[in-house]
Amino acid sequence: MTMFKLTDILDKMLIEFGEGYSEFICSPNNFDKLSEELNEVIPMEELEYKGLKIVKMDGIEENKIHIR
């Protein structure tokens, strides 16, 4: 099974959608995975990746990340 990084997905979203966005919105599970990938030891309510905030939000499908 090939493992992929969520940060790779964020990079592709940035390339595809370009400028004008300030946040990634993701499920609590994806937020925790991103926290691990970004080596954030202390769980926080917001992370940052390449200048965009990553926000944890209930009600987001587990396999989805939104950009806004």
N, C-alpha and C. Protein backbone atom coordinates (compact mmCIF):
# COMPACT_ATOMS: atom_id res chain seq x y z
N MET A 1 0.84 -1.18 0.00
CA MET A 1 0.00 0.00 0.00
C MET A 1 0.89 1.25 0.00
N THR A 2 0.62 2.14 -0.90
CA THR A 2 1.40 3.36 -1.00
C THR A 2 0.86 4.40 -0.03
N MET A 3 1.75 4.94 0.76
CA MET A 3 1.36 5.99 1.69
C MET A 3 1.62 7.34 1.03
N PHE A 4 0.72 8.25 1.21
CA PHE A 4 0.90 9.59 0.68
C PHE A 4 0.86 10.57 1.83
N LYS A 5 1.44 11.71 1.60
CA LYS A 5 1.46 12.75 2.62
C LYS A 5 0.35 13.75 2.33
N LEU A 6 -0.30 14.18 3.37
CA LEU A 6 -1.33 15.20 3.21
C LEU A 6 -0.73 16.53 2.75
N THR A 7 0.52 16.78 3.14
CA THR A 7 1.16 18.02 2.68
C THR A 7 1.34 18.01 1.16
N ASP A 8 1.49 16.84 0.55
CA ASP A 8 1.55 16.75 -0.91
C ASP A 8 0.23 17.20 -1.52
N ILE A 9 -0.87 16.83 -0.88
CA ILE A 9 -2.19 17.24 -1.35
C ILE A 9 -2.35 18.75 -1.21
N LEU A 10 -1.89 19.30 -0.08
CA LEU A 10 -1.97 20.75 0.11
C LEU A 10 -1.16 21.47 -0.97
N ASP A 11 0.02 20.95 -1.29
CA ASP A 11 0.85 21.55 -2.34
C ASP A 11 0.12 21.55 -3.68
N LYS A 12 -0.53 20.44 -4.02
CA LYS A 12 -1.26 20.34 -5.28
C LYS A 12 -2.44 21.31 -5.30
N MET A 13 -3.10 21.47 -4.16
CA MET A 13 -4.22 22.41 -4.08
C MET A 13 -3.73 23.84 -4.30
N LEU A 14 -2.59 24.17 -3.73
CA LEU A 14 -2.03 25.51 -3.90
C LEU A 14 -1.66 25.78 -5.36
N ILE A 15 -1.10 24.78 -6.02
CA ILE A 15 -0.74 24.93 -7.44
C ILE A 15 -2.00 25.09 -8.28
N GLU A 16 -3.01 24.26 -8.02
CA GLU A 16 -4.23 24.27 -8.83
C GLU A 16 -5.05 25.54 -8.62
N PHE A 17 -5.21 25.97 -7.37
CA PHE A 17 -6.11 27.07 -7.08
C PHE A 17 -5.41 28.41 -6.96
N GLY A 18 -4.11 28.39 -6.76
CA GLY A 18 -3.34 29.63 -6.77
C GLY A 18 -3.59 30.55 -5.60
N GLU A 19 -3.46 31.82 -5.87
CA GLU A 19 -3.51 32.85 -4.83
C GLU A 19 -4.93 33.18 -4.40
N GLY A 20 -5.04 33.93 -3.34
CA GLY A 20 -6.33 34.44 -2.91
C GLY A 20 -7.00 33.64 -1.82
N TYR A 21 -6.38 32.58 -1.37
CA TYR A 21 -6.95 31.76 -0.30
C TYR A 21 -6.12 31.93 0.96
N SER A 22 -6.75 31.72 2.11
CA SER A 22 -6.02 31.93 3.36
C SER A 22 -6.10 30.75 4.31
N GLU A 23 -6.99 29.77 4.03
CA GLU A 23 -7.17 28.66 4.97
C GLU A 23 -7.40 27.34 4.25
N PHE A 24 -6.92 26.29 4.89
CA PHE A 24 -7.32 24.92 4.58
C PHE A 24 -8.24 24.48 5.71
N ILE A 25 -9.37 23.89 5.38
CA ILE A 25 -10.31 23.38 6.38
C ILE A 25 -10.31 21.87 6.27
N CYS A 26 -10.14 21.17 7.39
CA CYS A 26 -10.10 19.71 7.34
C CYS A 26 -10.75 19.10 8.57
N SER A 27 -10.99 17.81 8.48
CA SER A 27 -11.59 17.07 9.59
C SER A 27 -10.60 16.96 10.74
N PRO A 28 -11.10 16.71 11.95
CA PRO A 28 -10.19 16.52 13.08
C PRO A 28 -9.14 15.44 12.83
N ASN A 29 -9.53 14.36 12.17
CA ASN A 29 -8.59 13.27 11.88
C ASN A 29 -7.48 13.74 10.94
N ASN A 30 -7.85 14.42 9.86
CA ASN A 30 -6.83 14.93 8.94
C ASN A 30 -5.97 16.00 9.60
N PHE A 31 -6.58 16.80 10.48
CA PHE A 31 -5.83 17.83 11.21
C PHE A 31 -4.74 17.17 12.05
N ASP A 32 -5.10 16.07 12.73
CA ASP A 32 -4.11 15.36 13.55
C ASP A 32 -3.00 14.78 12.69
N LYS A 33 -3.35 14.24 11.52
CA LYS A 33 -2.33 13.70 10.61
C LYS A 33 -1.40 14.81 10.13
N LEU A 34 -1.98 15.96 9.78
CA LEU A 34 -1.15 17.08 9.33
C LEU A 34 -0.26 17.59 10.46
N SER A 35 -0.77 17.60 11.67
CA SER A 35 0.02 18.00 12.82
C SER A 35 1.26 17.12 12.96
N GLU A 36 1.06 15.81 12.77
CA GLU A 36 2.19 14.88 12.82
C GLU A 36 3.17 15.14 11.69
N GLU A 37 2.66 15.34 10.47
CA GLU A 37 3.53 15.58 9.32
C GLU A 37 4.35 16.86 9.50
N LEU A 38 3.74 17.86 10.10
CA LEU A 38 4.42 19.14 10.28
C LEU A 38 5.24 19.18 11.58
N ASN A 39 5.27 18.05 12.28
CA ASN A 39 6.05 17.91 13.52
C ASN A 39 5.64 18.91 14.59
N GLU A 40 4.35 19.17 14.67
CA GLU A 40 3.82 20.02 15.74
C GLU A 40 3.56 19.12 16.94
N VAL A 41 4.39 19.26 17.95
CA VAL A 41 4.32 18.37 19.10
C VAL A 41 3.07 18.65 19.94
N ILE A 42 2.79 19.91 20.16
CA ILE A 42 1.64 20.28 20.99
C ILE A 42 0.43 20.45 20.08
N PRO A 43 -0.63 19.67 20.30
CA PRO A 43 -1.82 19.85 19.46
C PRO A 43 -2.39 21.26 19.63
N MET A 44 -2.61 21.90 18.52
CA MET A 44 -3.13 23.25 18.55
C MET A 44 -4.42 23.28 17.75
N GLU A 45 -5.18 24.35 17.89
CA GLU A 45 -6.42 24.48 17.13
C GLU A 45 -6.15 24.93 15.70
N GLU A 46 -5.01 25.57 15.48
CA GLU A 46 -4.66 26.01 14.13
C GLU A 46 -3.21 25.67 13.85
N LEU A 47 -2.97 25.20 12.65
CA LEU A 47 -1.62 24.99 12.15
C LEU A 47 -1.42 25.96 10.99
N GLU A 48 -0.20 26.06 10.51
CA GLU A 48 0.07 26.90 9.35
C GLU A 48 0.92 26.11 8.37
N TYR A 49 0.64 26.28 7.08
CA TYR A 49 1.42 25.63 6.04
C TYR A 49 1.56 26.58 4.87
N LYS A 50 2.77 26.97 4.57
CA LYS A 50 3.10 27.87 3.46
C LYS A 50 2.24 29.13 3.47
N GLY A 51 2.06 29.69 4.65
CA GLY A 51 1.34 30.95 4.78
C GLY A 51 -0.16 30.83 4.92
N LEU A 52 -0.70 29.63 4.78
CA LEU A 52 -2.14 29.42 4.94
C LEU A 52 -2.41 28.72 6.27
N LYS A 53 -3.48 29.12 6.92
CA LYS A 53 -3.88 28.48 8.17
C LYS A 53 -4.54 27.14 7.85
N ILE A 54 -4.33 26.17 8.72
CA ILE A 54 -5.03 24.89 8.65
C ILE A 54 -5.96 24.85 9.85
N VAL A 55 -7.25 24.76 9.58
CA VAL A 55 -8.25 24.85 10.62
C VAL A 55 -8.99 23.51 10.74
N LYS A 56 -9.12 23.04 11.97
CA LYS A 56 -9.85 21.81 12.26
C LYS A 56 -11.33 22.16 12.42
N MET A 57 -12.21 21.42 11.73
CA MET A 57 -13.62 21.71 11.80
C MET A 57 -14.43 20.42 11.80
N ASP A 58 -15.32 20.31 12.77
CA ASP A 58 -16.23 19.16 12.79
C ASP A 58 -17.18 19.25 11.60
N GLY A 59 -17.65 18.11 11.13
CA GLY A 59 -18.61 18.08 10.04
C GLY A 59 -17.97 18.00 8.67
N ILE A 60 -16.66 18.02 8.60
CA ILE A 60 -15.96 17.87 7.32
C ILE A 60 -15.74 16.38 7.10
N GLU A 61 -16.03 15.91 5.88
CA GLU A 61 -15.82 14.49 5.57
C GLU A 61 -14.36 14.11 5.80
N GLU A 62 -14.16 12.90 6.27
CA GLU A 62 -12.81 12.44 6.64
C GLU A 62 -11.80 12.54 5.51
N ASN A 63 -12.21 12.33 4.28
CA ASN A 63 -11.25 12.30 3.16
C ASN A 63 -11.22 13.61 2.40
N LYS A 64 -11.73 14.68 2.98
CA LYS A 64 -11.79 15.96 2.29
C LYS A 64 -10.96 17.03 2.99
N ILE A 65 -10.34 17.87 2.18
CA ILE A 65 -9.69 19.08 2.65
C ILE A 65 -10.20 20.20 1.76
N HIS A 66 -10.65 21.27 2.35
CA HIS A 66 -11.18 22.39 1.58
C HIS A 66 -10.22 23.57 1.70
N ILE A 67 -10.22 24.41 0.68
CA ILE A 67 -9.41 25.62 0.71
C ILE A 67 -10.36 26.80 0.58
N ARG A 68 -10.12 27.81 1.42
CA ARG A 68 -10.98 29.01 1.32
C ARG A 68 -10.19 30.25 1.67
